[in-house]
Amino acid sequence: MKSIRTFIRLLSIVLVMAGCTNEKPNEIAILKYVTHPALDELEDAYELRLNSLIKSHSELKNFKIKKYNANGNIPTAKSIAESFNYKNVKLILTIATPAAIAVANTSSDVPHIYGAVADPQGAKIIPSNRSTGIQNAGENIIIDALSFMRKAFPDAKRIGTIYNPDEQNSIFVQNHIKSNAPKFGFEVKQATVSGTSQFAGVTEHLCKDVDLVYSANDNTVNSGISSIISVCNKLNKPFIIGDLSTLDKGALFAVGLKYSTMGNDLAFISYEILRGKKISDFPPQGPPSPEIWMNASAKQLLNYTYPDSTDFSNVVERK
């Protein structure tokens, strides 16, 4: 009998240890809509800082970050969002509007943090008891961009824009461009795309009718931006983008936000929520003021010079 009791005790210990060994980590899920430099920059900064914060807190040692990518496909984003209900997910970060919409439309109580979302209220992501984050676009950024373009291109009359009408964030931005451009003496010609295969043809047609091309906060456009910029540069049309991270692809100017800063800020909010704070402790944030960067190589290629008698000291020249 004694040997049987001993065996049972040993077996119990083994089973408990096995249970501890097989314990699933608590998952922090990152759902990114598509790969492009700005979204990648946000994701990398978020992952780096949150991992650092987690390591400093012993109670969070069993939390692990897992990354998902919808590859620019809305049904895929929805499918991934729904899969979180069947996993040990404790917090979700979404990057870009379609990803945030997919999670917001899924029935769940898991805290949801969003980044790189232009219009969270219009997208019906907020108000919400489970969602908060940082907006990456707003009328302030569009007005700053248009004001800068008027100073940088005093003779320009018509701006061309390219966007995907299936992206709610782009509709939001385009409406602000269209309503504010006349205040700065610009006409606007809008061109739409649904995929990268259309970029070259649409851009070439657009460039025939405009003085410069401006694109802001469209994930489809940013995912294949090199082909658009290539056409603009070939036709000697200045291209201005609303994404600092993509400037090195050949745009002349970028008027936008640092996505690494956004990633760091979102990581801190996530860390505080994982430690027990509520979503309501972190109200949704509007877009910060943008920075303006110039691409020195594109400046030389397009033979661009600043107009006289205008202050451009706030422009950061990047090589």
C-alpha atoms as a PDB file:
ATOM      1  CA  MET A   1       0.000   0.000   0.000  1.00  0.00           C
ATOM      2  CA  LYS A   2       2.805   2.351   0.875  1.00  0.00           C
ATOM      3  CA  SER A   3       4.444   1.819  -2.519  1.00  0.00           C
ATOM      4  CA  ILE A   4       1.102   2.502  -4.247  1.00  0.00           C
ATOM      5  CA  ARG A   5       0.608   5.749  -2.319  1.00  0.00           C
ATOM      6  CA  THR A   6       4.153   6.788  -3.138  1.00  0.00           C
ATOM      7  CA  PHE A   7       3.534   6.016  -6.801  1.00  0.00           C
ATOM      8  CA  ILE A   8       0.334   8.087  -6.795  1.00  0.00           C
ATOM      9  CA  ARG A   9       2.116  11.052  -5.193  1.00  0.00           C
ATOM     10  CA  LEU A  10       4.915  10.856  -7.747  1.00  0.00           C
ATOM     11  CA  LEU A  11       2.394  10.585 -10.565  1.00  0.00           C
ATOM     12  CA  SER A  12       0.552  13.676  -9.263  1.00  0.00           C
ATOM     13  CA  ILE A  13       3.802  15.639  -9.161  1.00  0.00           C
ATOM     14  CA  VAL A  14       4.649  14.579 -12.710  1.00  0.00           C
ATOM     15  CA  LEU A  15       1.180  15.591 -13.960  1.00  0.00           C
ATOM     16  CA  VAL A  16       1.402  18.986 -12.250  1.00  0.00           C
ATOM     17  CA  MET A  17       4.859  19.590 -13.716  1.00  0.00           C
ATOM     18  CA  ALA A  18       3.622  18.524 -17.141  1.00  0.00           C
ATOM     19  CA  GLY A  19       0.740  20.952 -16.820  1.00  0.00           C
ATOM     20  CA  CYS A  20       3.120  23.780 -15.984  1.00  0.00           C
ATOM     21  CA  THR A  21       5.381  22.848 -18.899  1.00  0.00           C
ATOM     22  CA  ASN A  22       2.472  22.833 -21.366  1.00  0.00           C
ATOM     23  CA  GLU A  23       0.946  26.043 -20.075  1.00  0.00           C
ATOM     24  CA  LYS A  24       0.255  28.279 -23.030  1.00  0.00           C
ATOM     25  CA  PRO A  25       1.740  31.778 -22.913  1.00  0.00           C
ATOM     26  CA  ASN A  26      -0.579  34.750 -22.804  1.00  0.00           C
ATOM     27  CA  GLU A  27      -0.586  36.187 -26.308  1.00  0.00           C
ATOM     28  CA  ILE A  28      -0.284  39.820 -27.324  1.00  0.00           C
ATOM     29  CA  ALA A  29      -1.487  39.784 -30.931  1.00  0.00           C
ATOM     30  CA  ILE A  30      -0.351  42.298 -33.553  1.00  0.00           C
ATOM     31  CA  LEU A  31      -2.544  42.424 -36.645  1.00  0.00           C
ATOM     32  CA  LYS A  32      -0.992  44.519 -39.439  1.00  0.00           C
ATOM     33  CA  TYR A  33      -3.039  45.170 -42.569  1.00  0.00           C
ATOM     34  CA  VAL A  34      -0.186  45.276 -45.078  1.00  0.00           C
ATOM     35  CA  THR A  35       3.589  45.528 -45.295  1.00  0.00           C
ATOM     36  CA  HIS A  36       5.039  48.943 -46.031  1.00  0.00           C
ATOM     37  CA  PRO A  37       7.727  51.081 -44.345  1.00  0.00           C
ATOM     38  CA  ALA A  38       5.526  53.223 -42.086  1.00  0.00           C
ATOM     39  CA  LEU A  39       3.497  50.318 -40.720  1.00  0.00           C
ATOM     40  CA  ASP A  40       6.633  48.192 -40.356  1.00  0.00           C
ATOM     41  CA  GLU A  41       8.313  51.023 -38.443  1.00  0.00           C
ATOM     42  CA  LEU A  42       5.372  51.242 -36.038  1.00  0.00           C
ATOM     43  CA  GLU A  43       5.314  47.468 -35.561  1.00  0.00           C
ATOM     44  CA  ASP A  44       9.069  47.190 -34.948  1.00  0.00           C
ATOM     45  CA  ALA A  45       9.123  50.054 -32.432  1.00  0.00           C
ATOM     46  CA  TYR A  46       6.077  48.667 -30.611  1.00  0.00           C
ATOM     47  CA  GLU A  47       7.511  45.154 -30.378  1.00  0.00           C
ATOM     48  CA  LEU A  48      10.932  46.336 -29.214  1.00  0.00           C
ATOM     49  CA  ARG A  49       9.638  48.623 -26.476  1.00  0.00           C
ATOM     50  CA  LEU A  50       6.851  46.355 -25.233  1.00  0.00           C
ATOM     51  CA  ASN A  51       9.216  43.378 -25.000  1.00  0.00           C
ATOM     52  CA  SER A  52      11.588  45.551 -22.975  1.00  0.00           C
ATOM     53  CA  LEU A  53       8.799  46.671 -20.638  1.00  0.00           C
ATOM     54  CA  ILE A  54       7.494  43.124 -20.200  1.00  0.00           C
ATOM     55  CA  LYS A  55      10.936  41.809 -19.263  1.00  0.00           C
ATOM     56  CA  SER A  56      11.140  44.394 -16.493  1.00  0.00           C
ATOM     57  CA  HIS A  57       7.933  43.116 -14.879  1.00  0.00           C
ATOM     58  CA  SER A  58       8.075  39.598 -13.410  1.00  0.00           C
ATOM     59  CA  GLU A  59       4.292  39.124 -13.447  1.00  0.00           C
ATOM     60  CA  LEU A  60       4.244  39.508 -17.251  1.00  0.00           C
ATOM     61  CA  LYS A  61       6.993  37.003 -18.021  1.00  0.00           C
ATOM     62  CA  ASN A  62       4.454  34.607 -19.569  1.00  0.00           C
ATOM     63  CA  PHE A  63       3.253  37.184 -22.139  1.00  0.00           C
ATOM     64  CA  LYS A  64       4.484  36.738 -25.694  1.00  0.00           C
ATOM     65  CA  ILE A  65       3.991  38.874 -28.808  1.00  0.00           C
ATOM     66  CA  LYS A  66       2.751  37.154 -31.959  1.00  0.00           C
ATOM     67  CA  LYS A  67       2.505  38.959 -35.296  1.00  0.00           C
ATOM     68  CA  TYR A  68      -0.111  38.504 -38.029  1.00  0.00           C
ATOM     69  CA  ASN A  69      -0.253  40.118 -41.482  1.00  0.00           C
ATOM     70  CA  ALA A  70      -3.401  40.399 -43.624  1.00  0.00           C
ATOM     71  CA  ASN A  71      -1.248  41.184 -46.702  1.00  0.00           C
ATOM     72  CA  GLY A  72      -3.621  43.898 -47.867  1.00  0.00           C
ATOM     73  CA  ASN A  73      -6.637  41.594 -47.924  1.00  0.00           C
ATOM     74  CA  ILE A  74      -9.742  42.654 -45.978  1.00  0.00           C
ATOM     75  CA  PRO A  75     -11.318  39.142 -45.760  1.00  0.00           C
ATOM     76  CA  THR A  76      -7.995  37.845 -44.426  1.00  0.00           C
ATOM     77  CA  ALA A  77      -7.965  40.592 -41.787  1.00  0.00           C
ATOM     78  CA  LYS A  78     -11.481  39.567 -40.724  1.00  0.00           C
ATOM     79  CA  SER A  79     -10.510  35.898 -40.537  1.00  0.00           C
ATOM     80  CA  ILE A  80      -7.435  36.626 -38.416  1.00  0.00           C
ATOM     81  CA  ALA A  81      -9.456  38.893 -36.115  1.00  0.00           C
ATOM     82  CA  GLU A  82     -12.044  36.157 -35.567  1.00  0.00           C
ATOM     83  CA  SER A  83      -9.302  33.604 -34.814  1.00  0.00           C
ATOM     84  CA  PHE A  84      -8.262  35.621 -31.750  1.00  0.00           C
ATOM     85  CA  ASN A  85     -11.436  34.440 -30.008  1.00  0.00           C
ATOM     86  CA  TYR A  86     -10.068  30.886 -30.008  1.00  0.00           C
ATOM     87  CA  LYS A  87      -6.617  31.699 -28.691  1.00  0.00           C
ATOM     88  CA  ASN A  88      -5.175  32.845 -25.384  1.00  0.00           C
ATOM     89  CA  VAL A  89      -5.062  36.469 -26.569  1.00  0.00           C
ATOM     90  CA  LYS A  90      -4.968  39.079 -23.790  1.00  0.00           C
ATOM     91  CA  LEU A  91      -4.409  42.241 -25.850  1.00  0.00           C
ATOM     92  CA  ILE A  92      -4.572  43.156 -29.543  1.00  0.00           C
ATOM     93  CA  LEU A  93      -2.661  45.853 -31.425  1.00  0.00           C
ATOM     94  CA  THR A  94      -4.007  46.637 -34.885  1.00  0.00           C
ATOM     95  CA  ILE A  95      -1.973  48.580 -37.428  1.00  0.00           C
ATOM     96  CA  ALA A  96      -3.912  50.473 -40.152  1.00  0.00           C
ATOM     97  CA  THR A  97      -7.632  51.106 -40.484  1.00  0.00           C
ATOM     98  CA  PRO A  98      -8.821  47.881 -42.189  1.00  0.00           C
ATOM     99  CA  ALA A  99      -7.147  45.780 -39.486  1.00  0.00           C
ATOM    100  CA  ALA A 100      -8.653  47.923 -36.722  1.00  0.00           C
ATOM    101  CA  ILE A 101     -12.128  47.689 -38.265  1.00  0.00           C
ATOM    102  CA  ALA A 102     -11.822  43.896 -38.483  1.00  0.00           C
ATOM    103  CA  VAL A 103     -11.049  43.616 -34.765  1.00  0.00           C
ATOM    104  CA  ALA A 104     -13.584  46.248 -33.707  1.00  0.00           C
ATOM    105  CA  ASN A 105     -16.327  44.355 -35.563  1.00  0.00           C
ATOM    106  CA  THR A 106     -15.498  41.095 -33.787  1.00  0.00           C
ATOM    107  CA  SER A 107     -17.427  40.332 -30.622  1.00  0.00           C
ATOM    108  CA  SER A 108     -14.843  40.210 -27.845  1.00  0.00           C
ATOM    109  CA  ASP A 109     -13.817  41.805 -24.551  1.00  0.00           C
ATOM    110  CA  VAL A 110     -10.079  41.651 -25.300  1.00  0.00           C
ATOM    111  CA  PRO A 111      -8.510  45.150 -25.025  1.00  0.00           C
ATOM    112  CA  HIS A 112      -7.811  46.603 -28.473  1.00  0.00           C
ATOM    113  CA  ILE A 113      -5.137  49.229 -29.187  1.00  0.00           C
ATOM    114  CA  TYR A 114      -4.961  50.762 -32.668  1.00  0.00           C
ATOM    115  CA  GLY A 115      -2.281  52.703 -34.526  1.00  0.00           C
ATOM    116  CA  ALA A 116      -2.038  54.233 -38.024  1.00  0.00           C
ATOM    117  CA  VAL A 117      -5.799  54.827 -38.145  1.00  0.00           C
ATOM    118  CA  ALA A 118      -6.936  58.021 -39.870  1.00  0.00           C
ATOM    119  CA  ASP A 119     -10.530  58.324 -38.679  1.00  0.00           C
ATOM    120  CA  PRO A 120     -11.320  55.918 -35.812  1.00  0.00           C
ATOM    121  CA  GLN A 121     -14.711  57.492 -35.118  1.00  0.00           C
ATOM    122  CA  GLY A 122     -15.819  57.488 -38.749  1.00  0.00           C
ATOM    123  CA  ALA A 123     -14.644  53.877 -39.017  1.00  0.00           C
ATOM    124  CA  LYS A 124     -16.789  53.070 -35.951  1.00  0.00           C
ATOM    125  CA  ILE A 125     -13.801  51.804 -33.993  1.00  0.00           C
ATOM    126  CA  ILE A 126     -14.596  54.319 -31.262  1.00  0.00           C
ATOM    127  CA  PRO A 127     -16.337  55.139 -29.011  1.00  0.00           C
ATOM    128  CA  SER A 128     -15.778  51.733 -27.464  1.00  0.00           C
ATOM    129  CA  ASN A 129     -15.272  50.155 -24.061  1.00  0.00           C
ATOM    130  CA  ARG A 130     -12.408  48.057 -25.423  1.00  0.00           C
ATOM    131  CA  SER A 131     -10.617  50.229 -28.023  1.00  0.00           C
ATOM    132  CA  THR A 132      -8.224  53.154 -27.861  1.00  0.00           C
ATOM    133  CA  GLY A 133      -5.192  54.342 -29.764  1.00  0.00           C
ATOM    134  CA  ILE A 134      -3.504  57.109 -31.724  1.00  0.00           C
ATOM    135  CA  GLN A 135      -4.860  58.687 -34.884  1.00  0.00           C
ATOM    136  CA  ASN A 136      -2.353  59.170 -37.728  1.00  0.00           C
ATOM    137  CA  ALA A 137      -4.279  61.633 -39.897  1.00  0.00           C
ATOM    138  CA  GLY A 138      -6.466  64.649 -39.450  1.00  0.00           C
ATOM    139  CA  GLU A 139      -7.384  67.955 -40.965  1.00  0.00           C
ATOM    140  CA  ASN A 140      -4.444  69.610 -39.188  1.00  0.00           C
ATOM    141  CA  ILE A 141      -1.950  67.451 -41.110  1.00  0.00           C
ATOM    142  CA  ILE A 142      -3.680  68.019 -44.461  1.00  0.00           C
ATOM    143  CA  ILE A 143      -3.783  71.793 -43.887  1.00  0.00           C
ATOM    144  CA  ASP A 144      -0.081  71.818 -42.940  1.00  0.00           C
ATOM    145  CA  ALA A 145       0.747  69.827 -46.087  1.00  0.00           C
ATOM    146  CA  LEU A 146      -1.295  72.082 -48.380  1.00  0.00           C
ATOM    147  CA  SER A 147       0.141  75.217 -46.776  1.00  0.00           C
ATOM    148  CA  PHE A 148       3.660  73.882 -47.311  1.00  0.00           C
ATOM    149  CA  MET A 149       2.964  72.917 -50.923  1.00  0.00           C
ATOM    150  CA  ARG A 150       1.677  76.408 -51.665  1.00  0.00           C
ATOM    151  CA  LYS A 151       4.935  77.891 -50.340  1.00  0.00           C
ATOM    152  CA  ALA A 152       7.153  75.293 -52.025  1.00  0.00           C
ATOM    153  CA  PHE A 153       5.339  75.461 -55.376  1.00  0.00           C
ATOM    154  CA  PRO A 154       3.965  79.006 -55.683  1.00  0.00           C
ATOM    155  CA  ASP A 155       3.041  78.627 -59.369  1.00  0.00           C
ATOM    156  CA  ALA A 156       1.262  75.263 -59.031  1.00  0.00           C
ATOM    157  CA  LYS A 157      -2.450  75.281 -59.830  1.00  0.00           C
ATOM    158  CA  ARG A 158      -3.580  71.659 -59.749  1.00  0.00           C
ATOM    159  CA  ILE A 159      -2.771  68.817 -57.328  1.00  0.00           C
ATOM    160  CA  GLY A 160      -3.244  65.183 -58.284  1.00  0.00           C
ATOM    161  CA  THR A 161      -4.038  62.528 -55.672  1.00  0.00           C
ATOM    162  CA  ILE A 162      -4.124  58.728 -55.897  1.00  0.00           C
ATOM    163  CA  TYR A 163      -6.063  56.533 -53.479  1.00  0.00           C
ATOM    164  CA  ASN A 164      -8.026  53.328 -53.012  1.00  0.00           C
ATOM    165  CA  PRO A 165     -11.735  54.110 -52.456  1.00  0.00           C
ATOM    166  CA  ASP A 166     -12.173  50.811 -50.594  1.00  0.00           C
ATOM    167  CA  GLU A 167     -10.101  52.200 -47.713  1.00  0.00           C
ATOM    168  CA  GLN A 168     -12.232  54.183 -45.266  1.00  0.00           C
ATOM    169  CA  ASN A 169      -9.124  56.024 -44.078  1.00  0.00           C
ATOM    170  CA  SER A 170      -8.464  57.274 -47.609  1.00  0.00           C
ATOM    171  CA  ILE A 171     -11.999  58.582 -48.060  1.00  0.00           C
ATOM    172  CA  PHE A 172     -11.520  60.546 -44.835  1.00  0.00           C
ATOM    173  CA  VAL A 173      -8.216  62.031 -46.017  1.00  0.00           C
ATOM    174  CA  GLN A 174      -9.416  62.754 -49.554  1.00  0.00           C
ATOM    175  CA  ASN A 175     -12.415  64.659 -48.235  1.00  0.00           C
ATOM    176  CA  HIS A 176     -10.087  66.899 -46.237  1.00  0.00           C
ATOM    177  CA  ILE A 177      -7.835  67.440 -49.260  1.00  0.00           C
ATOM    178  CA  LYS A 178     -10.770  68.315 -51.509  1.00  0.00           C
ATOM    179  CA  SER A 179     -12.390  70.703 -49.018  1.00  0.00           C
ATOM    180  CA  ASN A 180      -9.187  72.517 -48.025  1.00  0.00           C
ATOM    181  CA  ALA A 181      -7.226  72.698 -51.295  1.00  0.00           C
ATOM    182  CA  PRO A 182      -9.224  75.685 -52.698  1.00  0.00           C
ATOM    183  CA  LYS A 183      -8.292  77.699 -49.588  1.00  0.00           C
ATOM    184  CA  PHE A 184      -4.696  77.528 -50.811  1.00  0.00           C
ATOM    185  CA  GLY A 185      -5.497  78.171 -54.453  1.00  0.00           C
ATOM    186  CA  PHE A 186      -5.331  74.539 -55.625  1.00  0.00           C
ATOM    187  CA  GLU A 187      -7.656  72.553 -57.837  1.00  0.00           C
ATOM    188  CA  VAL A 188      -7.718  68.814 -57.098  1.00  0.00           C
ATOM    189  CA  LYS A 189      -7.800  65.916 -59.544  1.00  0.00           C
ATOM    190  CA  GLN A 190      -8.420  62.576 -57.846  1.00  0.00           C
ATOM    191  CA  ALA A 191      -7.469  59.204 -59.330  1.00  0.00           C
ATOM    192  CA  THR A 192      -8.467  55.853 -57.861  1.00  0.00           C
ATOM    193  CA  VAL A 193      -6.732  52.467 -57.817  1.00  0.00           C
ATOM    194  CA  SER A 194      -7.626  49.072 -56.407  1.00  0.00           C
ATOM    195  CA  GLY A 195      -4.265  47.351 -56.775  1.00  0.00           C
ATOM    196  CA  THR A 196      -0.602  47.837 -57.650  1.00  0.00           C
ATOM    197  CA  SER A 197      -1.005  46.677 -61.261  1.00  0.00           C
ATOM    198  CA  GLN A 198      -2.841  49.941 -62.011  1.00  0.00           C
ATOM    199  CA  PHE A 199      -0.263  52.297 -60.552  1.00  0.00           C
ATOM    200  CA  ALA A 200       1.883  53.050 -63.609  1.00  0.00           C
ATOM    201  CA  GLY A 201      -0.990  53.713 -66.016  1.00  0.00           C
ATOM    202  CA  VAL A 202      -3.072  55.758 -63.572  1.00  0.00           C
ATOM    203  CA  THR A 203      -0.064  57.836 -62.498  1.00  0.00           C
ATOM    204  CA  GLU A 204       1.025  58.578 -66.056  1.00  0.00           C
ATOM    205  CA  HIS A 205      -2.487  59.714 -67.004  1.00  0.00           C
ATOM    206  CA  LEU A 206      -2.762  61.839 -63.841  1.00  0.00           C
ATOM    207  CA  CYS A 207       0.600  63.541 -64.352  1.00  0.00           C
ATOM    208  CA  LYS A 208      -0.546  64.924 -67.705  1.00  0.00           C
ATOM    209  CA  ASP A 209      -3.173  67.087 -65.963  1.00  0.00           C
ATOM    210  CA  VAL A 210      -1.499  68.236 -62.729  1.00  0.00           C
ATOM    211  CA  ASP A 211       1.491  70.204 -61.491  1.00  0.00           C
ATOM    212  CA  LEU A 212       2.339  67.898 -58.589  1.00  0.00           C
ATOM    213  CA  VAL A 213       1.098  64.665 -56.992  1.00  0.00           C
ATOM    214  CA  TYR A 214       0.207  64.252 -53.307  1.00  0.00           C
ATOM    215  CA  SER A 215      -0.669  60.991 -51.570  1.00  0.00           C
ATOM    216  CA  ALA A 216      -1.499  60.696 -47.874  1.00  0.00           C
ATOM    217  CA  ASN A 217      -2.312  57.695 -45.683  1.00  0.00           C
ATOM    218  CA  ASP A 218      -3.419  55.188 -48.315  1.00  0.00           C
ATOM    219  CA  ASN A 219      -2.161  51.683 -47.522  1.00  0.00           C
ATOM    220  CA  THR A 220      -2.643  50.360 -51.057  1.00  0.00           C
ATOM    221  CA  VAL A 221      -0.669  53.229 -52.563  1.00  0.00           C
ATOM    222  CA  ASN A 222       2.097  53.004 -49.959  1.00  0.00           C
ATOM    223  CA  SER A 223       2.516  49.261 -50.485  1.00  0.00           C
ATOM    224  CA  GLY A 224       3.683  49.846 -54.068  1.00  0.00           C
ATOM    225  CA  ILE A 225       4.832  53.439 -53.922  1.00  0.00           C
ATOM    226  CA  SER A 226       8.058  52.938 -55.900  1.00  0.00           C
ATOM    227  CA  SER A 227       6.249  52.474 -59.214  1.00  0.00           C
ATOM    228  CA  ILE A 228       4.198  55.669 -58.703  1.00  0.00           C
ATOM    229  CA  ILE A 229       7.259  57.723 -57.792  1.00  0.00           C
ATOM    230  CA  SER A 230       9.177  56.295 -60.747  1.00  0.00           C
ATOM    231  CA  VAL A 231       6.540  57.595 -63.170  1.00  0.00           C
ATOM    232  CA  CYS A 232       6.355  60.995 -61.444  1.00  0.00           C
ATOM    233  CA  ASN A 233      10.120  61.436 -61.571  1.00  0.00           C
ATOM    234  CA  LYS A 234      10.265  60.347 -65.215  1.00  0.00           C
ATOM    235  CA  LEU A 235       7.662  62.992 -66.094  1.00  0.00           C
ATOM    236  CA  ASN A 236       9.362  65.575 -63.844  1.00  0.00           C
ATOM    237  CA  LYS A 237       6.357  65.911 -61.534  1.00  0.00           C
ATOM    238  CA  PRO A 238       7.113  66.499 -57.828  1.00  0.00           C
ATOM    239  CA  PHE A 239       5.655  63.788 -55.582  1.00  0.00           C
ATOM    240  CA  ILE A 240       4.726  64.606 -51.964  1.00  0.00           C
ATOM    241  CA  ILE A 241       3.817  61.790 -49.587  1.00  0.00           C
ATOM    242  CA  GLY A 242       2.176  61.823 -46.163  1.00  0.00           C
ATOM    243  CA  ASP A 243       4.581  59.245 -44.766  1.00  0.00           C
ATOM    244  CA  LEU A 244       8.077  60.085 -43.509  1.00  0.00           C
ATOM    245  CA  SER A 245       9.164  56.439 -43.616  1.00  0.00           C
ATOM    246  CA  THR A 246       8.646  56.220 -47.380  1.00  0.00           C
ATOM    247  CA  LEU A 247      10.619  59.330 -48.343  1.00  0.00           C
ATOM    248  CA  ASP A 248      13.653  57.259 -49.318  1.00  0.00           C
ATOM    249  CA  LYS A 249      11.614  55.570 -52.059  1.00  0.00           C
ATOM    250  CA  GLY A 250      12.105  58.736 -54.110  1.00  0.00           C
ATOM    251  CA  ALA A 251       9.439  61.264 -53.125  1.00  0.00           C
ATOM    252  CA  LEU A 252      10.604  64.881 -53.102  1.00  0.00           C
ATOM    253  CA  PHE A 253       8.873  65.787 -49.828  1.00  0.00           C
ATOM    254  CA  ALA A 254       7.130  63.961 -46.994  1.00  0.00           C
ATOM    255  CA  VAL A 255       4.711  65.676 -44.629  1.00  0.00           C
ATOM    256  CA  GLY A 256       3.768  63.279 -41.856  1.00  0.00           C
ATOM    257  CA  LEU A 257       4.443  61.607 -38.538  1.00  0.00           C
ATOM    258  CA  LYS A 258       7.207  59.486 -37.034  1.00  0.00           C
ATOM    259  CA  TYR A 259       5.663  56.041 -36.769  1.00  0.00           C
ATOM    260  CA  SER A 260       8.402  54.828 -34.435  1.00  0.00           C
ATOM    261  CA  THR A 261       7.241  57.404 -31.882  1.00  0.00           C
ATOM    262  CA  MET A 262       3.674  56.178 -32.284  1.00  0.00           C
ATOM    263  CA  GLY A 263       4.828  52.582 -31.787  1.00  0.00           C
ATOM    264  CA  ASN A 264       6.664  53.477 -28.589  1.00  0.00           C
ATOM    265  CA  ASP A 265       3.655  55.338 -27.197  1.00  0.00           C
ATOM    266  CA  LEU A 266       1.278  52.487 -28.038  1.00  0.00           C
ATOM    267  CA  ALA A 267       3.644  50.011 -26.366  1.00  0.00           C
ATOM    268  CA  PHE A 268       3.528  51.984 -23.129  1.00  0.00           C
ATOM    269  CA  ILE A 269      -0.288  52.121 -23.202  1.00  0.00           C
ATOM    270  CA  SER A 270      -0.380  48.361 -23.817  1.00  0.00           C
ATOM    271  CA  TYR A 271       2.019  47.698 -20.951  1.00  0.00           C
ATOM    272  CA  GLU A 272      -0.109  49.709 -18.538  1.00  0.00           C
ATOM    273  CA  ILE A 273      -3.251  47.841 -19.609  1.00  0.00           C
ATOM    274  CA  LEU A 274      -1.510  44.479 -19.217  1.00  0.00           C
ATOM    275  CA  ARG A 275      -0.614  45.563 -15.670  1.00  0.00           C
ATOM    276  CA  GLY A 276      -4.284  46.134 -14.876  1.00  0.00           C
ATOM    277  CA  LYS A 277      -5.260  49.616 -15.998  1.00  0.00           C
ATOM    278  CA  LYS A 278      -8.463  50.138 -17.982  1.00  0.00           C
ATOM    279  CA  ILE A 279      -8.947  51.243 -21.569  1.00  0.00           C
ATOM    280  CA  SER A 280     -10.857  54.236 -20.182  1.00  0.00           C
ATOM    281  CA  ASP A 281      -7.647  55.391 -18.479  1.00  0.00           C
ATOM    282  CA  PHE A 282      -6.219  56.100 -21.957  1.00  0.00           C
ATOM    283  CA  PRO A 283      -8.605  58.199 -24.080  1.00  0.00           C
ATOM    284  CA  PRO A 284      -8.118  58.048 -27.876  1.00  0.00           C
ATOM    285  CA  GLN A 285      -5.494  60.507 -29.094  1.00  0.00           C
ATOM    286  CA  GLY A 286      -5.751  62.766 -32.123  1.00  0.00           C
ATOM    287  CA  PRO A 287      -2.907  63.197 -34.631  1.00  0.00           C
ATOM    288  CA  PRO A 288       0.243  65.070 -33.534  1.00  0.00           C
ATOM    289  CA  SER A 289       1.694  67.917 -35.616  1.00  0.00           C
ATOM    290  CA  PRO A 290       3.532  66.619 -38.713  1.00  0.00           C
ATOM    291  CA  GLU A 291       7.171  66.972 -39.651  1.00  0.00           C
ATOM    292  CA  ILE A 292       8.371  67.974 -43.135  1.00  0.00           C
ATOM    293  CA  TRP A 293      11.276  66.112 -44.740  1.00  0.00           C
ATOM    294  CA  MET A 294      12.991  66.583 -48.099  1.00  0.00           C
ATOM    295  CA  ASN A 295      14.756  63.924 -50.166  1.00  0.00           C
ATOM    296  CA  ALA A 296      18.092  65.427 -51.267  1.00  0.00           C
ATOM    297  CA  SER A 297      18.489  62.900 -54.113  1.00  0.00           C
ATOM    298  CA  ALA A 298      15.040  63.676 -55.523  1.00  0.00           C
ATOM    299  CA  LYS A 299      15.763  67.393 -55.193  1.00  0.00           C
ATOM    300  CA  GLN A 300      18.807  66.961 -57.410  1.00  0.00           C
ATOM    301  CA  LEU A 301      17.012  64.654 -59.849  1.00  0.00           C
ATOM    302  CA  LEU A 302      14.130  67.108 -60.330  1.00  0.00           C
ATOM    303  CA  ASN A 303      16.446  70.124 -60.233  1.00  0.00           C
ATOM    304  CA  TYR A 304      14.233  71.636 -57.539  1.00  0.00           C
ATOM    305  CA  THR A 305      15.130  74.886 -55.770  1.00  0.00           C
ATOM    306  CA  TYR A 306      13.234  76.649 -52.995  1.00  0.00           C
ATOM    307  CA  PRO A 307      11.426  79.849 -53.969  1.00  0.00           C
ATOM    308  CA  ASP A 308      13.126  83.048 -52.812  1.00  0.00           C
ATOM    309  CA  SER A 309      11.936  85.085 -49.824  1.00  0.00           C
ATOM    310  CA  THR A 310      10.297  82.115 -48.082  1.00  0.00           C
ATOM    311  CA  ASP A 311      11.427  80.475 -44.849  1.00  0.00           C
ATOM    312  CA  PHE A 312      11.946  76.703 -45.130  1.00  0.00           C
ATOM    313  CA  SER A 313      13.961  76.297 -41.936  1.00  0.00           C
ATOM    314  CA  ASN A 314      11.434  73.751 -40.629  1.00  0.00           C
ATOM    315  CA  VAL A 315      12.213  71.327 -43.469  1.00  0.00           C
ATOM    316  CA  VAL A 316      14.598  68.486 -42.610  1.00  0.00           C
ATOM    317  CA  GLU A 317      16.792  67.468 -45.552  1.00  0.00           C
ATOM    318  CA  ARG A 318      17.438  63.738 -45.728  1.00  0.00           C
ATOM    319  CA  LYS A 319      20.042  62.041 -47.900  1.00  0.00           C
END
